[in-house]
Amino acid sequence: MKGKNTFNPELIKFDNNGKRLRTSKTDKSNHGMGIGLIEETALKYNGLMEITMNENLFCLSVLLYQN
């Protein structure tokens, strides 16, 4: 599965390690869970998740292996 969307690079925020994306929305209890859940699911099924960002294009790819 591959999803692409445009984004504003100025709104991208990372955690203290610089590895995980963080929501820029003020209501953090209701936002910012989606990408983490996708990554957890991919890892649970021995898959991979990759995020790439180029200029203003955000791309999330997920690879799941069939048993």
N, C-alpha and C. Protein backbone atom coordinates (compact mmCIF):
# COMPACT_ATOMS: atom_id res chain seq x y z
N MET A 1 0.85 -1.16 0.00
CA MET A 1 0.00 0.00 0.00
C MET A 1 0.89 1.22 0.00
N LYS A 2 0.51 2.20 -0.75
CA LYS A 2 1.27 3.44 -0.80
C LYS A 2 0.29 4.59 -0.81
N GLY A 3 0.53 5.57 0.05
CA GLY A 3 -0.30 6.76 0.09
C GLY A 3 0.57 7.99 -0.08
N LYS A 4 0.09 8.95 -0.84
CA LYS A 4 0.82 10.20 -1.05
C LYS A 4 -0.11 11.36 -0.78
N ASN A 5 0.46 12.43 -0.24
CA ASN A 5 -0.31 13.63 0.02
C ASN A 5 0.64 14.82 0.08
N THR A 6 0.15 15.98 -0.24
CA THR A 6 0.97 17.17 -0.08
C THR A 6 0.92 17.61 1.38
N PHE A 7 1.93 18.37 1.80
CA PHE A 7 1.99 18.85 3.17
C PHE A 7 2.80 20.13 3.23
N ASN A 8 2.68 20.82 4.34
CA ASN A 8 3.46 22.03 4.59
C ASN A 8 4.66 21.62 5.43
N PRO A 9 5.87 21.68 4.88
CA PRO A 9 7.06 21.24 5.62
C PRO A 9 7.28 21.99 6.93
N GLU A 10 6.77 23.20 7.04
CA GLU A 10 6.93 23.98 8.26
C GLU A 10 6.14 23.40 9.43
N LEU A 11 5.15 22.56 9.14
CA LEU A 11 4.32 21.97 10.20
C LEU A 11 4.83 20.62 10.68
N ILE A 12 5.86 20.07 10.04
CA ILE A 12 6.39 18.77 10.43
C ILE A 12 7.18 18.89 11.71
N LYS A 13 6.85 18.05 12.69
CA LYS A 13 7.55 18.04 13.97
C LYS A 13 7.97 16.61 14.30
N PHE A 14 9.15 16.48 14.89
CA PHE A 14 9.67 15.18 15.28
C PHE A 14 9.83 15.13 16.80
N ASP A 15 9.92 13.91 17.34
CA ASP A 15 10.17 13.75 18.77
C ASP A 15 11.60 14.16 19.09
N ASN A 16 11.98 14.02 20.36
CA ASN A 16 13.32 14.43 20.80
C ASN A 16 14.44 13.66 20.12
N ASN A 17 14.16 12.43 19.70
CA ASN A 17 15.16 11.62 19.01
C ASN A 17 15.25 11.96 17.52
N GLY A 18 14.29 12.71 17.02
CA GLY A 18 14.27 13.07 15.62
C GLY A 18 13.85 11.94 14.70
N LYS A 19 13.23 10.90 15.28
CA LYS A 19 12.87 9.74 14.47
C LYS A 19 11.37 9.58 14.26
N ARG A 20 10.56 9.99 15.21
CA ARG A 20 9.11 9.80 15.10
C ARG A 20 8.42 11.13 14.85
N LEU A 21 7.46 11.10 13.95
CA LEU A 21 6.67 12.29 13.67
C LEU A 21 5.75 12.57 14.84
N ARG A 22 5.51 13.82 15.11
CA ARG A 22 4.57 14.26 16.14
C ARG A 22 3.52 15.16 15.52
N THR A 23 2.32 15.11 16.04
CA THR A 23 1.26 15.97 15.53
C THR A 23 1.56 17.42 15.87
N SER A 24 1.16 18.30 14.98
CA SER A 24 1.30 19.73 15.24
C SER A 24 -0.01 20.32 15.73
N LYS A 25 -1.04 19.49 15.85
CA LYS A 25 -2.35 19.96 16.30
C LYS A 25 -2.35 20.14 17.81
N THR A 26 -3.13 21.10 18.28
CA THR A 26 -3.15 21.39 19.71
C THR A 26 -3.88 20.32 20.52
N ASP A 27 -4.86 19.66 19.93
CA ASP A 27 -5.64 18.61 20.62
C ASP A 27 -4.92 17.27 20.46
N LYS A 28 -3.81 17.10 21.17
CA LYS A 28 -2.96 15.92 21.01
C LYS A 28 -3.60 14.62 21.49
N SER A 29 -4.60 14.69 22.37
CA SER A 29 -5.24 13.46 22.84
C SER A 29 -6.10 12.80 21.76
N ASN A 30 -6.50 13.57 20.75
CA ASN A 30 -7.33 13.03 19.67
C ASN A 30 -6.62 13.00 18.32
N HIS A 31 -5.34 13.33 18.29
CA HIS A 31 -4.59 13.36 17.03
C HIS A 31 -3.20 12.78 17.25
N GLY A 32 -2.58 12.35 16.14
CA GLY A 32 -1.19 11.91 16.20
C GLY A 32 -0.99 10.44 16.48
N MET A 33 -2.03 9.62 16.37
CA MET A 33 -1.90 8.19 16.66
C MET A 33 -1.81 7.34 15.40
N GLY A 34 -2.28 7.85 14.28
CA GLY A 34 -2.44 7.05 13.07
C GLY A 34 -1.18 6.41 12.54
N ILE A 35 -0.13 7.18 12.34
CA ILE A 35 1.10 6.63 11.76
C ILE A 35 1.72 5.61 12.71
N GLY A 36 1.68 5.89 14.01
CA GLY A 36 2.21 4.92 14.98
C GLY A 36 1.45 3.61 14.95
N LEU A 37 0.13 3.67 14.81
CA LEU A 37 -0.69 2.45 14.73
C LEU A 37 -0.40 1.68 13.45
N ILE A 38 -0.20 2.39 12.35
CA ILE A 38 0.13 1.73 11.08
C ILE A 38 1.48 1.02 11.22
N GLU A 39 2.44 1.70 11.84
CA GLU A 39 3.76 1.09 12.02
C GLU A 39 3.69 -0.14 12.94
N GLU A 40 2.96 -0.04 14.04
CA GLU A 40 2.79 -1.19 14.95
C GLU A 40 2.17 -2.37 14.22
N THR A 41 1.17 -2.12 13.40
CA THR A 41 0.50 -3.20 12.66
C THR A 41 1.46 -3.83 11.65
N ALA A 42 2.21 -3.01 10.95
CA ALA A 42 3.18 -3.55 9.98
C ALA A 42 4.20 -4.44 10.69
N LEU A 43 4.72 -3.99 11.82
CA LEU A 43 5.71 -4.78 12.56
C LEU A 43 5.10 -6.05 13.13
N LYS A 44 3.86 -5.98 13.58
CA LYS A 44 3.17 -7.16 14.13
C LYS A 44 3.10 -8.29 13.11
N TYR A 45 2.93 -7.92 11.85
CA TYR A 45 2.82 -8.92 10.78
C TYR A 45 4.11 -9.03 9.97
N ASN A 46 5.25 -8.72 10.61
CA ASN A 46 6.58 -8.83 10.00
C ASN A 46 6.69 -8.02 8.72
N GLY A 47 6.03 -6.90 8.68
CA GLY A 47 6.08 -6.03 7.51
C GLY A 47 6.98 -4.83 7.75
N LEU A 48 6.91 -3.91 6.83
CA LEU A 48 7.73 -2.71 6.88
C LEU A 48 6.87 -1.48 6.61
N MET A 49 7.25 -0.37 7.22
CA MET A 49 6.62 0.91 6.93
C MET A 49 7.73 1.90 6.64
N GLU A 50 7.54 2.71 5.61
CA GLU A 50 8.54 3.72 5.25
C GLU A 50 7.86 5.04 4.97
N ILE A 51 8.44 6.10 5.49
CA ILE A 51 7.96 7.45 5.22
C ILE A 51 9.04 8.19 4.46
N THR A 52 8.64 8.82 3.37
CA THR A 52 9.56 9.70 2.64
C THR A 52 8.89 11.05 2.45
N MET A 53 9.70 12.10 2.50
CA MET A 53 9.19 13.46 2.31
C MET A 53 10.12 14.16 1.33
N ASN A 54 9.54 14.69 0.27
CA ASN A 54 10.28 15.45 -0.73
C ASN A 54 9.57 16.76 -0.96
N GLU A 55 10.23 17.85 -0.65
CA GLU A 55 9.68 19.21 -0.78
C GLU A 55 8.33 19.29 -0.09
N ASN A 56 7.23 19.15 -0.80
CA ASN A 56 5.92 19.21 -0.16
C ASN A 56 5.09 17.95 -0.40
N LEU A 57 5.75 16.82 -0.68
CA LEU A 57 5.05 15.56 -0.91
C LEU A 57 5.43 14.57 0.19
N PHE A 58 4.42 14.09 0.90
CA PHE A 58 4.57 13.13 1.99
C PHE A 58 4.10 11.78 1.47
N CYS A 59 4.94 10.75 1.60
CA CYS A 59 4.60 9.42 1.08
C CYS A 59 4.81 8.39 2.18
N LEU A 60 3.79 7.59 2.45
CA LEU A 60 3.85 6.51 3.43
C LEU A 60 3.64 5.20 2.68
N SER A 61 4.59 4.28 2.80
CA SER A 61 4.49 2.97 2.14
C SER A 61 4.48 1.88 3.19
N VAL A 62 3.66 0.87 2.97
CA VAL A 62 3.57 -0.27 3.88
C VAL A 62 3.72 -1.54 3.04
N LEU A 63 4.58 -2.44 3.50
CA LEU A 63 4.77 -3.73 2.84
C LEU A 63 4.44 -4.81 3.85
N LEU A 64 3.47 -5.66 3.51
CA LEU A 64 3.08 -6.80 4.35
C LEU A 64 3.36 -8.06 3.57
N TYR A 65 3.95 -9.03 4.23
CA TYR A 65 4.28 -10.29 3.58
C TYR A 65 3.15 -11.28 3.78
N GLN A 66 2.84 -12.04 2.75
CA GLN A 66 1.81 -13.05 2.82
C GLN A 66 2.42 -14.33 3.36
N ASN A 67 1.74 -14.95 4.32
CA ASN A 67 2.23 -16.21 4.90
C ASN A 67 2.03 -17.37 3.96
